[in-house]
């Protein structure tokens, strides 16, 4: 079985600043792996180790996704090789465009049996790329997966629903989107990081994945929310009547 894990590389939110007019300043934000994709990488690596499978990572995005440090970060986590589609035309790509490009990459690589996606992205968290990729590939898809195991020519996945646990058998090829609970991301050691520098990286062009389709959603602007004014009232539980005042204040805003 050949496994592909989809990885989104985005600006580290800890480095994003806000300007005086509320705009977001990304100038000092270094590229990093989307938090939820760390769980997906670990789940794919563990499944590959259990089944003796090959696992490849695929990322699509602007030019910065090809950052050398980020490549090593991905490849040091149990991944065999990496395929990068870096083009600034993907800067404002929505889930539909991204899913189509990822599907194109999977088809260009060839021989992929299972695609593993994270629960969502750490920036928009639209939870759409998994289904958009599956739709473009014409493969079955299952999201909210908390466990996955191989069984013949299929994978058996577990999902935790509101009141019950569901087990579903998916014929391969298929796409699964995993919950953060599926696996704790590993911490790469120095040996893993050094080995990552020797693993193959395939730089793919946008044309190899079907080109860059026009975004189906237009983003006009992104701004930080206006800060909410605070009354800065402090209540002391040891003072008579302050608890009642606190409850009354709380009720007034609910």
Protein backbone atom coordinates (compact mmCIF):
# COMPACT_ATOMS: atom_id res chain seq x y z
CA UNK A 1 0.00 0.00 0.00
CA UNK A 2 1.23 3.47 -0.89
CA UNK A 3 0.12 6.29 1.40
CA UNK A 4 0.12 10.02 0.68
CA UNK A 5 -0.38 12.57 3.45
CA UNK A 6 -1.48 16.09 2.55
CA UNK A 7 0.45 18.84 4.36
CA UNK A 8 -0.38 22.53 4.46
CA UNK A 9 2.52 24.91 5.05
CA UNK A 10 1.45 28.31 6.35
CA UNK A 11 2.86 31.33 8.23
CA UNK A 12 3.41 30.63 11.92
CA UNK A 13 0.53 32.38 13.70
CA UNK A 14 2.79 33.23 16.64
CA UNK A 15 4.79 35.52 14.34
CA UNK A 16 1.82 37.33 12.76
CA UNK A 17 1.52 40.95 13.89
CA UNK A 18 -1.37 43.41 13.66
CA UNK A 19 -0.88 46.88 12.20
CA UNK A 20 -2.51 50.02 13.60
CA UNK A 21 -5.33 49.85 11.04
CA UNK A 22 -6.13 46.21 11.87
CA UNK A 23 -4.39 44.56 8.93
CA UNK A 24 -2.30 41.42 9.45
CA UNK A 25 1.46 41.69 9.01
CA UNK A 26 3.03 38.42 7.84
CA UNK A 27 6.48 39.86 7.12
CA UNK A 28 8.16 38.17 10.10
CA UNK A 29 6.08 34.97 10.08
CA UNK A 30 8.17 31.90 9.25
CA UNK A 31 6.58 28.97 7.36
CA UNK A 32 5.49 26.06 9.50
CA UNK A 33 3.39 22.89 9.26
CA UNK A 34 -0.31 23.34 9.99
CA UNK A 35 -0.98 22.01 13.50
CA UNK A 36 -3.66 19.50 12.48
CA UNK A 37 -1.45 18.10 9.73
CA UNK A 38 1.15 17.08 12.32
CA UNK A 39 -1.40 14.54 13.60
CA UNK A 40 -2.10 13.37 10.05
CA UNK A 41 1.62 12.92 9.34
CA UNK A 42 2.03 10.82 12.47
CA UNK A 43 -1.05 8.71 11.68
CA UNK A 44 0.22 8.06 8.15
CA UNK A 45 3.72 7.23 9.40
CA UNK A 46 2.38 4.78 12.00
CA UNK A 47 0.11 3.07 9.48
CA UNK A 48 3.02 2.79 7.03
CA UNK A 49 5.22 1.28 9.74
CA UNK A 50 2.51 -1.26 10.67
CA UNK A 51 1.91 -2.33 7.06
CA UNK A 52 5.39 -1.95 5.60
CA UNK A 53 4.03 0.72 3.26
CA UNK A 54 5.64 3.68 1.58
CA UNK A 55 4.45 7.10 2.77
CA UNK A 56 4.91 10.30 0.83
CA UNK A 57 3.98 13.87 1.78
CA UNK A 58 2.38 16.30 -0.66
CA UNK A 59 2.15 20.06 -0.20
CA UNK A 60 0.70 22.73 -2.49
CA UNK A 61 1.02 26.45 -1.94
CA UNK A 62 2.96 29.67 -2.58
CA UNK A 63 6.73 29.69 -3.11
CA UNK A 64 7.49 29.72 0.63
CA UNK A 65 6.19 26.14 1.07
CA UNK A 66 9.47 25.00 -0.49
CA UNK A 67 11.47 26.40 2.45
CA UNK A 68 14.41 24.06 3.21
CA UNK A 69 13.81 24.00 6.97
CA UNK A 70 10.13 23.15 6.46
CA UNK A 71 11.05 20.33 4.08
CA UNK A 72 13.30 18.79 6.71
CA UNK A 73 10.60 19.27 9.35
CA UNK A 74 8.16 17.22 7.26
CA UNK A 75 10.65 14.53 6.23
CA UNK A 76 11.98 14.01 9.77
CA UNK A 77 8.58 12.69 10.91
CA UNK A 78 8.58 9.20 9.39
CA UNK A 79 7.97 10.34 5.81
CA UNK A 80 9.83 8.62 2.95
CA UNK A 81 9.73 11.41 0.36
CA UNK A 82 8.11 14.77 -0.35
CA UNK A 83 6.39 16.27 -3.38
CA UNK A 84 6.15 20.06 -3.45
CA UNK A 85 4.01 22.17 -5.76
CA UNK A 86 5.18 25.73 -5.07
CA UNK A 87 3.65 28.56 -7.07
CA UNK A 88 2.63 32.03 -5.85
CA UNK A 89 -0.56 31.63 -7.89
CA UNK A 90 -1.76 29.39 -5.03
CA UNK A 91 -1.43 32.27 -2.51
CA UNK A 92 -5.20 32.87 -2.31
CA UNK A 93 -6.35 29.41 -3.41
CA UNK A 94 -9.57 28.25 -1.78
CA UNK A 95 -10.40 24.67 -0.75
CA UNK A 96 -11.76 23.75 -4.18
CA UNK A 97 -8.66 24.95 -6.04
CA UNK A 98 -6.34 23.39 -3.46
CA UNK A 99 -8.18 20.07 -3.52
CA UNK A 100 -8.01 19.94 -7.31
CA UNK A 101 -4.25 20.65 -7.24
CA UNK A 102 -3.63 18.00 -4.56
CA UNK A 103 -5.64 15.48 -6.57
CA UNK A 104 -3.55 16.37 -9.63
CA UNK A 105 -0.39 15.78 -7.61
CA UNK A 106 -1.64 12.39 -6.41
CA UNK A 107 -2.42 11.37 -9.98
CA UNK A 108 0.96 12.64 -11.20
CA UNK A 109 2.79 10.64 -8.52
CA UNK A 110 0.79 7.53 -9.37
CA UNK A 111 0.18 4.32 -7.44
CA UNK A 112 -1.28 6.03 -4.34
CA UNK A 113 -3.80 3.85 -2.49
CA UNK A 114 -4.67 6.01 0.51
CA UNK A 115 -4.68 9.78 1.04
CA UNK A 116 -4.55 11.02 4.64
CA UNK A 117 -5.59 14.59 5.48
CA UNK A 118 -5.68 16.59 8.69
CA UNK A 119 -8.95 17.61 10.33
CA UNK A 120 -8.64 21.15 8.97
CA UNK A 121 -6.08 23.88 8.49
CA UNK A 122 -4.72 25.95 11.35
CA UNK A 123 -5.58 29.22 9.59
CA UNK A 124 -9.06 28.89 8.06
CA UNK A 125 -10.18 25.49 9.43
CA UNK A 126 -12.74 25.15 6.63
CA UNK A 127 -12.60 21.31 6.77
CA UNK A 128 -13.14 21.13 3.01
CA UNK A 129 -9.84 20.12 1.39
CA UNK A 130 -10.33 16.41 2.15
CA UNK A 131 -13.72 16.19 0.43
CA UNK A 132 -12.63 18.46 -2.43
CA UNK A 133 -9.56 16.28 -3.06
CA UNK A 134 -11.65 13.11 -2.94
CA UNK A 135 -14.23 14.60 -5.31
CA UNK A 136 -11.51 15.54 -7.80
CA UNK A 137 -10.06 12.02 -7.59
CA UNK A 138 -13.47 10.31 -7.65
CA UNK A 139 -12.59 8.37 -4.50
CA UNK A 140 -14.66 7.63 -1.37
CA UNK A 141 -13.88 9.84 1.65
CA UNK A 142 -14.39 9.57 5.41
CA UNK A 143 -13.74 12.34 7.93
CA UNK A 144 -13.49 12.52 11.72
CA UNK A 145 -11.38 9.33 11.79
CA UNK A 146 -9.82 8.44 15.17
CA UNK A 147 -8.29 5.09 14.13
CA UNK A 148 -7.33 3.49 10.82
CA UNK A 149 -6.02 0.02 9.96
CA UNK A 150 -5.44 -1.89 6.74
CA UNK A 151 -7.55 -4.91 5.90
CA UNK A 152 -6.97 -6.59 2.55
CA UNK A 153 -7.75 -4.14 -0.22
CA UNK A 154 -9.45 -1.75 2.15
CA UNK A 155 -8.99 0.31 5.30
CA UNK A 156 -11.18 0.05 8.37
CA UNK A 157 -11.69 3.35 10.17
CA UNK A 158 -13.29 4.31 13.47
CA UNK A 159 -15.21 7.53 14.02
CA UNK A 160 -16.54 8.89 17.31
CA UNK A 161 -19.95 10.45 16.77
CA UNK A 162 -22.04 12.38 19.26
CA UNK A 163 -23.59 9.33 20.93
CA UNK A 164 -21.81 6.34 19.42
CA UNK A 165 -18.67 4.93 17.83
CA UNK A 166 -18.86 4.05 14.14
CA UNK A 167 -16.66 1.56 12.28
CA UNK A 168 -16.59 1.80 8.47
CA UNK A 169 -14.77 -0.28 5.86
CA UNK A 170 -13.54 1.78 2.89
CA UNK A 171 -12.37 0.11 -0.32
CA UNK A 172 -9.11 1.49 -1.69
CA UNK A 173 -8.20 3.88 -3.15
CA UNK A 174 -9.74 6.27 -0.64
CA UNK A 175 -9.27 9.54 1.27
CA UNK A 176 -9.51 9.80 5.05
CA UNK A 177 -9.45 12.91 7.22
CA UNK A 178 -8.17 12.22 10.73
CA UNK A 179 -9.06 13.77 14.06
CA UNK A 180 -6.24 15.30 16.17
CA UNK A 181 -6.92 12.50 18.69
CA UNK A 182 -5.66 9.83 16.28
CA UNK A 183 -1.96 10.22 17.09
CA UNK A 184 0.39 12.42 19.09
CA UNK A 185 2.97 14.04 16.75
CA UNK A 186 6.50 12.79 17.32
CA UNK A 187 9.39 15.03 18.27
CA UNK A 188 12.11 14.55 15.67
CA UNK A 189 15.59 13.83 17.02
CA UNK A 190 18.85 15.07 15.57
CA UNK A 191 19.34 11.75 13.74
CA UNK A 192 15.92 12.11 12.10
CA UNK A 193 16.63 15.70 11.06
CA UNK A 194 20.01 14.80 9.53
CA UNK A 195 18.45 11.84 7.68
CA UNK A 196 15.67 14.10 6.40
CA UNK A 197 18.21 16.15 4.46
CA UNK A 198 19.05 13.08 2.36
CA UNK A 199 15.49 12.06 1.53
CA UNK A 200 14.14 12.75 -1.99
CA UNK A 201 12.14 15.91 -2.67
CA UNK A 202 10.31 16.26 -5.98
CA UNK A 203 9.63 19.86 -7.00
CA UNK A 204 6.51 19.72 -9.16
CA UNK A 205 5.17 22.51 -11.37
CA UNK A 206 1.62 23.79 -11.39
CA UNK A 207 1.24 22.44 -14.93
CA UNK A 208 2.04 18.92 -13.69
CA UNK A 209 -0.98 19.02 -11.39
CA UNK A 210 -3.39 20.47 -13.92
CA UNK A 211 -2.50 24.14 -13.64
CA UNK A 212 -3.78 26.76 -11.25
CA UNK A 213 -7.53 27.13 -11.63
CA UNK A 214 -9.04 30.54 -10.77
CA UNK A 215 -10.15 30.75 -7.14
CA UNK A 216 -13.89 30.19 -6.77
CA UNK A 217 -14.05 32.51 -3.74
CA UNK A 218 -12.66 36.06 -3.73
CA UNK A 219 -11.06 37.30 -0.52
CA UNK A 220 -11.52 41.06 -0.22
CA UNK A 221 -9.57 41.65 2.98
CA UNK A 222 -8.60 40.04 6.26
CA UNK A 223 -8.44 42.16 9.40
CA UNK A 224 -8.01 41.56 13.11
CA UNK A 225 -11.23 42.03 15.11
CA UNK A 226 -11.78 45.30 16.92
CA UNK A 227 -10.84 44.95 20.59
CA UNK A 228 -13.83 44.78 22.90
CA UNK A 229 -14.03 47.53 25.48
CA UNK A 230 -13.83 46.18 29.03
CA UNK A 231 -15.50 47.70 32.11
CA UNK A 232 -12.65 46.44 34.28
CA UNK A 233 -14.94 45.86 37.25
CA UNK A 234 -13.49 43.64 39.98
CA UNK A 235 -15.66 41.82 42.52
CA UNK A 236 -14.34 40.51 45.82
CA UNK A 237 -16.04 37.30 46.99
CA UNK A 238 -15.16 38.17 50.58
CA UNK A 239 -17.20 41.37 50.41
CA UNK A 240 -20.91 41.25 51.21
CA UNK A 241 -23.07 41.49 48.13
CA UNK A 242 -20.25 41.25 45.58
CA UNK A 243 -21.20 37.74 44.48
CA UNK A 244 -24.77 38.90 43.80
CA UNK A 245 -23.40 41.88 41.86
CA UNK A 246 -21.17 39.57 39.81
CA UNK A 247 -24.09 37.27 38.97
CA UNK A 248 -26.26 40.24 38.01
CA UNK A 249 -23.50 41.65 35.78
CA UNK A 250 -23.02 38.24 34.12
CA UNK A 251 -26.75 37.87 33.45
CA UNK A 252 -26.90 41.33 31.91
CA UNK A 253 -24.56 40.33 29.09
CA UNK A 254 -26.00 36.90 28.35
